[in-house]
Amino acid sequence: MLVEAVPDRVLASCLFDSVGWLRQWAKTPIEQCRQRRYAVVEQGLPGSYEVLPVALVRHSPFWFGYERQTGVAPLSESDITFAGSTYSMYSKRGAVPARLIRDAYDQARIWSAAGWTDLLVVPNITSSGVDSWIAEVGEPAGQVLLDRTYHAELTGSYADYLLRLDNKVRRDTQRRLRRSAERGLRIRLLSPDAARFRVRAALPLTVGTTDEHSWPPLYDEETLHGLLSVPGATMAVAEVDDRLIGVFFGFVHGDEVTFLCGGVDYQSLRDFSTYVALMYGCVEWAYANGLKRVEWGRDNYRFKERHGLTGVDLWALVYDFTADPQRRRKLARMRSELIAYIDGRPA
């Protein structure tokens, strides 16, 4: 069934399925949402639900970024229906209940019949999720490898974690960490209240990472302040004296932490190895706080692979209610361009 508010008890596979995230994201202005519903199906204990947000969106900067990067913008002149969000990474969700899929798909068809939308996009699902959708509602007009997200399982100690790295990578990392500390770099994890004073300085770092492919800014100050209201929020900062040169926004959910919307001052990389220092400072913090898994998000693929992280492919299914052949060609191009980019080879 479809409801207009997030239930109080949600069976969350990850941060992005959680009550705290879903309720805060509904207040976030960066995605221009016209209407929002939640497909829900009761699972497990009575009153507990799996949830899939279904939104009629005028503009999603993240989705538009993918369109622009691959040269297919715009895929639609109308609003787009999203089952999930391109800002969310459903890397642990796996299979999706058929009832959620059917209700989300039917809502999109209703909005399409009203002339409000012509596309349904199902972003950032795993291959198991792809299989679930196709089994329930059929083949989409396009199946796009949208991105690849990375994670690390935290077993043993922080020292054990470093020992699992390739020898050359470990020696280089330890050298960089020593050098950055000697030069005055400090890594801190801030509470939400303390982090709010750093949002204005953090914003240029978070949007700077989108410049390479002429993406639109993915965040604004209001959105970042809103994210700090999610339960378990923190901000990892890299500072030299009082100057902020790197930031990750983090979210503890259960025994894992997810880092996203980060960025660094690129001019600081040579002297301070800012990204490396932030990453390993966060891993050490996660061990100290008893966490078992770190989700590191998307992009920077080769670096993350060198540092031993595990990648999970995230797919987008695009259902076209107009059966437009030109749009199918655009989706085929989007697929080939993104596969080439993610795999690090020419398109």
Protein backbone atom coordinates (compact mmCIF):
# COMPACT_ATOMS: atom_id res chain seq x y z
CA MET A 1 0.00 0.00 0.00
CA LEU A 2 0.96 3.65 -0.31
CA VAL A 3 1.04 6.06 2.62
CA GLU A 4 1.97 9.73 2.94
CA ALA A 5 4.27 9.49 5.97
CA VAL A 6 7.14 7.24 7.00
CA PRO A 7 5.95 4.58 9.48
CA ASP A 8 7.36 4.67 12.99
CA ARG A 9 8.92 1.21 12.67
CA VAL A 10 10.94 0.52 9.53
CA LEU A 11 12.99 -2.57 8.78
CA ALA A 12 16.04 -0.74 7.49
CA SER A 13 18.69 -2.54 5.44
CA CYS A 14 20.97 0.49 5.70
CA LEU A 15 21.07 4.17 6.62
CA PHE A 16 19.03 5.23 3.59
CA ASP A 17 16.10 2.97 4.56
CA SER A 18 16.02 4.23 8.14
CA VAL A 19 13.26 6.32 9.71
CA GLY A 20 15.64 9.14 10.60
CA TRP A 21 17.08 9.44 7.10
CA LEU A 22 13.75 9.11 5.27
CA ARG A 23 12.01 11.71 7.41
CA GLN A 24 14.85 14.21 7.15
CA TRP A 25 15.29 13.70 3.41
CA ALA A 26 11.60 14.53 2.90
CA LYS A 27 12.38 17.99 4.31
CA THR A 28 15.46 18.49 2.13
CA PRO A 29 15.00 21.09 -0.63
CA ILE A 30 17.85 20.09 -2.96
CA GLU A 31 15.63 17.62 -4.84
CA GLN A 32 12.63 19.59 -6.09
CA CYS A 33 9.87 17.17 -5.15
CA ARG A 34 6.28 17.87 -6.22
CA GLN A 35 4.64 14.88 -4.52
CA ARG A 36 5.87 12.07 -2.32
CA ARG A 37 4.39 8.75 -1.25
CA TYR A 38 5.81 5.72 0.53
CA ALA A 39 5.17 2.18 -0.62
CA VAL A 40 5.10 0.00 2.48
CA VAL A 41 4.75 -3.70 3.16
CA GLU A 42 4.51 -5.23 6.62
CA GLN A 43 7.36 -7.62 7.39
CA GLY A 44 8.47 -9.43 10.51
CA LEU A 45 6.84 -8.14 13.69
CA PRO A 46 3.36 -6.57 13.42
CA GLY A 47 3.62 -2.86 12.72
CA SER A 48 7.11 -3.13 11.14
CA TYR A 49 7.48 -2.23 7.48
CA GLU A 50 9.84 -2.25 4.57
CA VAL A 51 9.57 1.14 2.87
CA LEU A 52 10.25 2.48 -0.62
CA PRO A 53 9.84 6.24 -1.21
CA VAL A 54 8.10 7.20 -4.46
CA ALA A 55 8.54 10.84 -5.48
CA LEU A 56 7.47 13.04 -8.38
CA VAL A 57 10.57 15.19 -8.87
CA ARG A 58 10.94 18.34 -10.94
CA HIS A 59 14.73 18.36 -10.66
CA SER A 60 17.29 16.09 -9.00
CA PRO A 61 20.81 17.54 -9.27
CA PHE A 62 22.34 14.09 -8.82
CA TRP A 63 20.35 12.50 -11.64
CA PHE A 64 20.86 15.52 -13.87
CA GLY A 65 24.59 15.24 -13.22
CA TYR A 66 24.61 11.74 -14.67
CA GLU A 67 22.60 12.96 -17.67
CA ARG A 68 24.97 15.86 -18.26
CA GLN A 69 28.12 13.77 -17.81
CA THR A 70 26.96 11.27 -20.45
CA GLY A 71 25.64 13.86 -22.92
CA VAL A 72 21.99 12.81 -22.83
CA ALA A 73 20.44 15.72 -20.91
CA PRO A 74 17.57 16.11 -20.75
CA LEU A 75 16.04 12.64 -20.84
CA SER A 76 12.65 14.16 -20.15
CA GLU A 77 11.04 17.58 -20.26
CA SER A 78 8.49 16.40 -17.70
CA ASP A 79 8.84 15.59 -14.03
CA ILE A 80 10.48 12.23 -13.31
CA THR A 81 9.14 9.68 -10.86
CA PHE A 82 11.82 8.16 -8.64
CA ALA A 83 11.40 4.96 -6.64
CA GLY A 84 14.19 5.74 -4.19
CA SER A 85 16.64 8.61 -4.59
CA THR A 86 19.86 9.07 -6.53
CA TYR A 87 21.27 10.52 -3.30
CA SER A 88 20.75 7.17 -1.53
CA MET A 89 22.88 4.06 -2.00
CA TYR A 90 20.92 0.84 -1.47
CA SER A 91 24.03 -1.37 -1.50
CA LYS A 92 22.72 -3.71 1.22
CA ARG A 93 19.06 -3.92 0.26
CA GLY A 94 19.32 -6.82 -2.19
CA ALA A 95 16.00 -8.25 -3.36
CA VAL A 96 12.96 -5.97 -3.19
CA PRO A 97 9.52 -7.25 -2.13
CA ALA A 98 7.15 -7.60 -5.09
CA ARG A 99 4.41 -5.62 -3.34
CA LEU A 100 6.68 -2.58 -2.93
CA ILE A 101 7.63 -2.73 -6.60
CA ARG A 102 4.07 -3.08 -7.82
CA ASP A 103 2.75 -0.22 -5.68
CA ALA A 104 5.59 2.12 -6.72
CA TYR A 105 5.16 1.22 -10.40
CA ASP A 106 1.38 1.68 -10.28
CA GLN A 107 1.76 5.10 -8.63
CA ALA A 108 4.10 6.16 -11.42
CA ARG A 109 1.57 4.99 -13.99
CA ILE A 110 -1.14 7.03 -12.28
CA TRP A 111 1.02 10.16 -12.42
CA SER A 112 1.84 9.36 -16.04
CA ALA A 113 -1.86 9.05 -16.95
CA ALA A 114 -2.40 12.48 -15.40
CA GLY A 115 0.26 13.89 -17.74
CA TRP A 116 2.73 14.73 -14.96
CA THR A 117 5.52 12.28 -15.74
CA ASP A 118 6.74 9.97 -18.48
CA LEU A 119 9.64 8.21 -16.75
CA LEU A 120 10.07 6.03 -13.69
CA VAL A 121 13.68 5.81 -12.47
CA VAL A 122 14.70 3.19 -9.92
CA PRO A 123 18.19 4.31 -8.84
CA ASN A 124 21.09 2.73 -6.97
CA ILE A 125 19.86 -0.83 -6.56
CA THR A 126 21.96 -3.99 -6.58
CA SER A 127 21.77 -6.73 -9.20
CA SER A 128 19.38 -8.62 -6.90
CA GLY A 129 17.13 -5.58 -6.84
CA VAL A 130 17.28 -5.42 -10.63
CA ASP A 131 16.12 -9.04 -10.81
CA SER A 132 13.22 -8.28 -8.43
CA TRP A 133 11.98 -5.35 -10.50
CA ILE A 134 12.20 -7.12 -13.84
CA ALA A 135 10.43 -10.20 -12.45
CA GLU A 136 7.53 -8.06 -11.20
CA VAL A 137 7.01 -5.35 -13.85
CA GLY A 138 9.13 -6.41 -16.80
CA GLU A 139 12.14 -5.11 -18.69
CA PRO A 140 12.84 -1.37 -18.53
CA ALA A 141 13.68 0.88 -21.46
CA GLY A 142 17.18 1.20 -20.02
CA GLN A 143 19.33 -0.57 -17.44
CA VAL A 144 22.23 1.69 -16.52
CA LEU A 145 25.24 0.92 -14.34
CA LEU A 146 24.83 4.17 -12.48
CA ASP A 147 27.76 3.96 -10.08
CA ARG A 148 29.87 1.78 -7.81
CA THR A 149 29.97 2.24 -4.06
CA TYR A 150 32.67 0.93 -1.73
CA HIS A 151 32.80 -0.38 1.82
CA ALA A 152 35.16 -1.96 4.33
CA GLU A 153 34.40 -4.57 6.97
CA LEU A 154 36.16 -3.73 10.23
CA THR A 155 37.51 -6.92 11.77
CA GLY A 156 40.30 -7.23 14.29
CA SER A 157 42.00 -3.96 15.25
CA TYR A 158 42.99 -0.81 13.38
CA ALA A 159 46.55 -2.18 13.24
CA ASP A 160 45.18 -5.39 11.70
CA TYR A 161 43.30 -3.29 9.14
CA LEU A 162 46.52 -1.62 8.03
CA LEU A 163 48.31 -4.96 7.83
CA ARG A 164 45.70 -6.22 5.35
CA LEU A 165 46.70 -3.52 2.86
CA ASP A 166 49.08 -4.25 0.01
CA ASN A 167 52.62 -3.74 1.35
CA LYS A 168 53.42 -0.87 -1.00
CA VAL A 169 50.11 0.86 -0.29
CA ARG A 170 50.55 0.42 3.47
CA ARG A 171 54.04 1.91 3.51
CA ASP A 172 52.94 4.84 1.38
CA THR A 173 49.87 5.43 3.55
CA GLN A 174 51.85 5.35 6.81
CA ARG A 175 54.41 7.77 5.34
CA ARG A 176 51.67 10.16 4.26
CA LEU A 177 49.97 10.01 7.66
CA ARG A 178 53.23 10.75 9.49
CA ARG A 179 54.07 13.64 7.16
CA SER A 180 50.62 15.24 7.39
CA ALA A 181 50.67 15.04 11.20
CA GLU A 182 54.16 16.55 11.33
CA ARG A 183 52.95 19.43 9.19
CA GLY A 184 50.08 20.20 11.55
CA LEU A 185 47.09 18.43 9.99
CA ARG A 186 44.46 17.49 12.56
CA ILE A 187 41.52 15.10 11.98
CA ARG A 188 38.46 15.48 14.20
CA LEU A 189 34.96 14.00 14.26
CA LEU A 190 32.50 16.70 15.34
CA SER A 191 29.11 16.50 17.00
CA PRO A 192 26.18 17.90 14.97
CA ASP A 193 26.09 21.06 17.12
CA ALA A 194 29.80 21.71 16.62
CA ALA A 195 29.58 20.81 12.93
CA ARG A 196 26.95 23.46 12.20
CA PHE A 197 29.57 26.16 12.69
CA ARG A 198 31.64 24.58 9.90
CA VAL A 199 28.89 24.08 7.28
CA ARG A 200 29.53 27.35 5.45
CA ALA A 201 33.24 26.56 5.11
CA ALA A 202 32.47 22.92 4.20
CA LEU A 203 30.07 23.69 1.37
CA PRO A 204 32.68 24.79 -1.23
CA LEU A 205 34.61 21.57 -0.57
CA THR A 206 31.55 19.36 -1.08
CA VAL A 207 30.53 21.00 -4.35
CA GLY A 208 34.09 21.23 -5.69
CA THR A 209 34.09 17.49 -6.42
CA THR A 210 31.34 17.95 -9.04
CA ASP A 211 33.30 20.31 -11.28
CA GLU A 212 35.18 17.64 -13.27
CA HIS A 213 32.14 16.73 -15.38
CA SER A 214 30.27 20.06 -15.12
CA TRP A 215 27.76 18.62 -12.68
CA PRO A 216 25.42 21.00 -10.88
CA PRO A 217 26.08 21.54 -7.15
CA LEU A 218 24.72 18.51 -5.32
CA TYR A 219 24.27 20.23 -1.95
CA ASP A 220 23.52 23.62 -0.48
CA GLU A 221 23.82 25.02 3.05
CA GLU A 222 20.22 24.23 3.95
CA THR A 223 20.62 20.62 2.86
CA LEU A 224 23.87 20.15 4.80
CA HIS A 225 22.34 21.63 7.95
CA GLY A 226 19.38 19.30 7.46
CA LEU A 227 21.61 16.24 7.15
CA LEU A 228 23.18 17.08 10.49
CA SER A 229 19.72 16.51 11.99
CA VAL A 230 19.75 12.83 10.95
CA PRO A 231 20.25 10.61 14.01
CA GLY A 232 23.87 9.53 14.28
CA ALA A 233 25.22 12.42 12.18
CA THR A 234 28.80 13.61 12.52
CA MET A 235 31.26 15.65 10.49
CA ALA A 236 34.84 14.55 9.90
CA VAL A 237 37.10 17.56 9.41
CA ALA A 238 40.71 17.96 8.33
CA GLU A 239 42.16 21.20 9.69
CA VAL A 240 45.45 23.05 9.60
CA ASP A 241 45.40 25.69 12.32
CA ASP A 242 41.84 27.01 11.91
CA ARG A 243 41.63 26.36 8.16
CA LEU A 244 39.26 23.65 6.95
CA ILE A 245 40.86 21.71 4.09
CA GLY A 246 38.78 18.53 4.05
CA VAL A 247 35.40 17.25 5.18
CA PHE A 248 33.22 14.14 5.16
CA PHE A 249 29.67 14.03 6.48
CA GLY A 250 29.15 10.79 8.39
CA PHE A 251 26.11 8.91 9.69
CA VAL A 252 26.21 6.12 12.24
CA HIS A 253 23.41 3.59 11.83
CA GLY A 254 23.57 0.44 13.93
CA ASP A 255 27.12 -0.91 13.81
CA GLU A 256 28.14 0.89 10.63
CA VAL A 257 28.98 4.41 9.53
CA THR A 258 28.32 5.89 6.10
CA PHE A 259 30.42 8.78 4.81
CA LEU A 260 29.23 10.95 1.94
CA CYS A 261 29.08 14.50 0.54
CA GLY A 262 32.75 15.04 1.24
CA GLY A 263 35.49 17.02 -0.41
CA VAL A 264 38.96 18.42 0.02
CA ASP A 265 40.93 21.52 -0.89
CA TYR A 266 42.83 20.10 -3.88
CA GLN A 267 45.73 22.51 -3.35
CA SER A 268 46.31 20.85 0.02
CA LEU A 269 46.78 17.32 -1.34
CA ARG A 270 50.51 17.56 -2.05
CA ASP A 271 51.49 18.90 1.36
CA PHE A 272 48.93 17.14 3.55
CA SER A 273 47.59 14.08 1.67
CA THR A 274 44.25 15.34 2.88
CA TYR A 275 42.03 12.62 1.44
CA VAL A 276 44.23 9.81 2.77
CA ALA A 277 44.45 11.44 6.21
CA LEU A 278 40.70 11.93 6.41
CA MET A 279 39.94 8.41 5.28
CA TYR A 280 42.26 6.69 7.72
CA GLY A 281 41.37 9.07 10.52
CA CYS A 282 37.74 8.02 10.04
CA VAL A 283 38.64 4.32 9.98
CA GLU A 284 40.60 4.68 13.23
CA TRP A 285 37.66 6.54 14.78
CA ALA A 286 35.24 3.83 13.63
CA TYR A 287 37.37 1.14 15.30
CA ALA A 288 37.57 3.21 18.49
CA ASN A 289 33.77 3.47 18.54
CA GLY A 290 33.14 -0.24 18.05
CA LEU A 291 31.75 -0.01 14.52
CA LYS A 292 31.93 -2.98 12.18
CA ARG A 293 31.56 -1.51 8.70
CA VAL A 294 32.38 1.72 6.88
CA GLU A 295 30.47 2.73 3.75
CA TRP A 296 32.64 5.02 1.64
CA GLY A 297 30.27 5.92 -1.17
CA ARG A 298 30.89 6.46 -4.85
CA ASP A 299 33.58 7.64 -7.28
CA ASN A 300 37.37 7.74 -6.77
CA TYR A 301 37.22 4.12 -7.87
CA ARG A 302 40.88 3.24 -8.47
CA PHE A 303 42.01 4.84 -5.21
CA LYS A 304 39.44 2.91 -3.21
CA GLU A 305 40.36 -0.34 -4.92
CA ARG A 306 44.07 0.19 -4.21
CA HIS A 307 43.19 0.69 -0.57
CA GLY A 308 41.41 -2.64 -0.33
CA LEU A 309 37.79 -1.52 -0.34
CA THR A 310 35.03 -3.75 -1.70
CA GLY A 311 32.92 -2.39 -4.55
CA VAL A 312 29.20 -2.94 -5.12
CA ASP A 313 27.65 -2.02 -8.46
CA LEU A 314 24.57 0.20 -8.27
CA TRP A 315 22.11 0.06 -11.15
CA ALA A 316 19.33 2.32 -12.35
CA LEU A 317 16.29 1.00 -14.16
CA VAL A 318 14.44 3.49 -16.36
CA TYR A 319 10.85 2.72 -17.35
CA ASP A 320 9.55 4.87 -20.22
CA PHE A 321 5.77 5.21 -20.42
CA THR A 322 5.99 6.72 -23.92
CA ALA A 323 8.14 4.00 -25.56
CA ASP A 324 10.22 6.71 -27.24
CA PRO A 325 12.93 5.09 -29.45
CA GLN A 326 15.17 8.17 -29.23
CA ARG A 327 15.09 7.91 -25.45
CA ARG A 328 16.12 4.27 -25.65
CA ARG A 329 19.15 5.31 -27.69
CA LYS A 330 20.01 7.94 -25.11
CA LEU A 331 19.76 5.36 -22.33
CA ALA A 332 22.05 3.01 -24.26
CA ARG A 333 24.59 5.83 -24.53
CA MET A 334 24.21 6.64 -20.85
CA ARG A 335 24.92 3.00 -20.02
CA SER A 336 28.02 2.71 -22.20
CA GLU A 337 29.47 6.06 -21.07
CA LEU A 338 29.06 5.30 -17.37
CA ILE A 339 30.41 1.75 -17.62
CA ALA A 340 33.51 3.13 -19.35
CA TYR A 341 33.93 5.89 -16.74
CA ILE A 342 33.52 3.54 -13.78
CA ASP A 343 35.87 0.95 -15.26
CA GLY A 344 38.43 3.61 -16.20
CA ARG A 345 38.54 3.05 -19.94
CA PRO A 346 37.51 5.04 -23.05
CA ALA A 347 33.80 4.98 -23.94
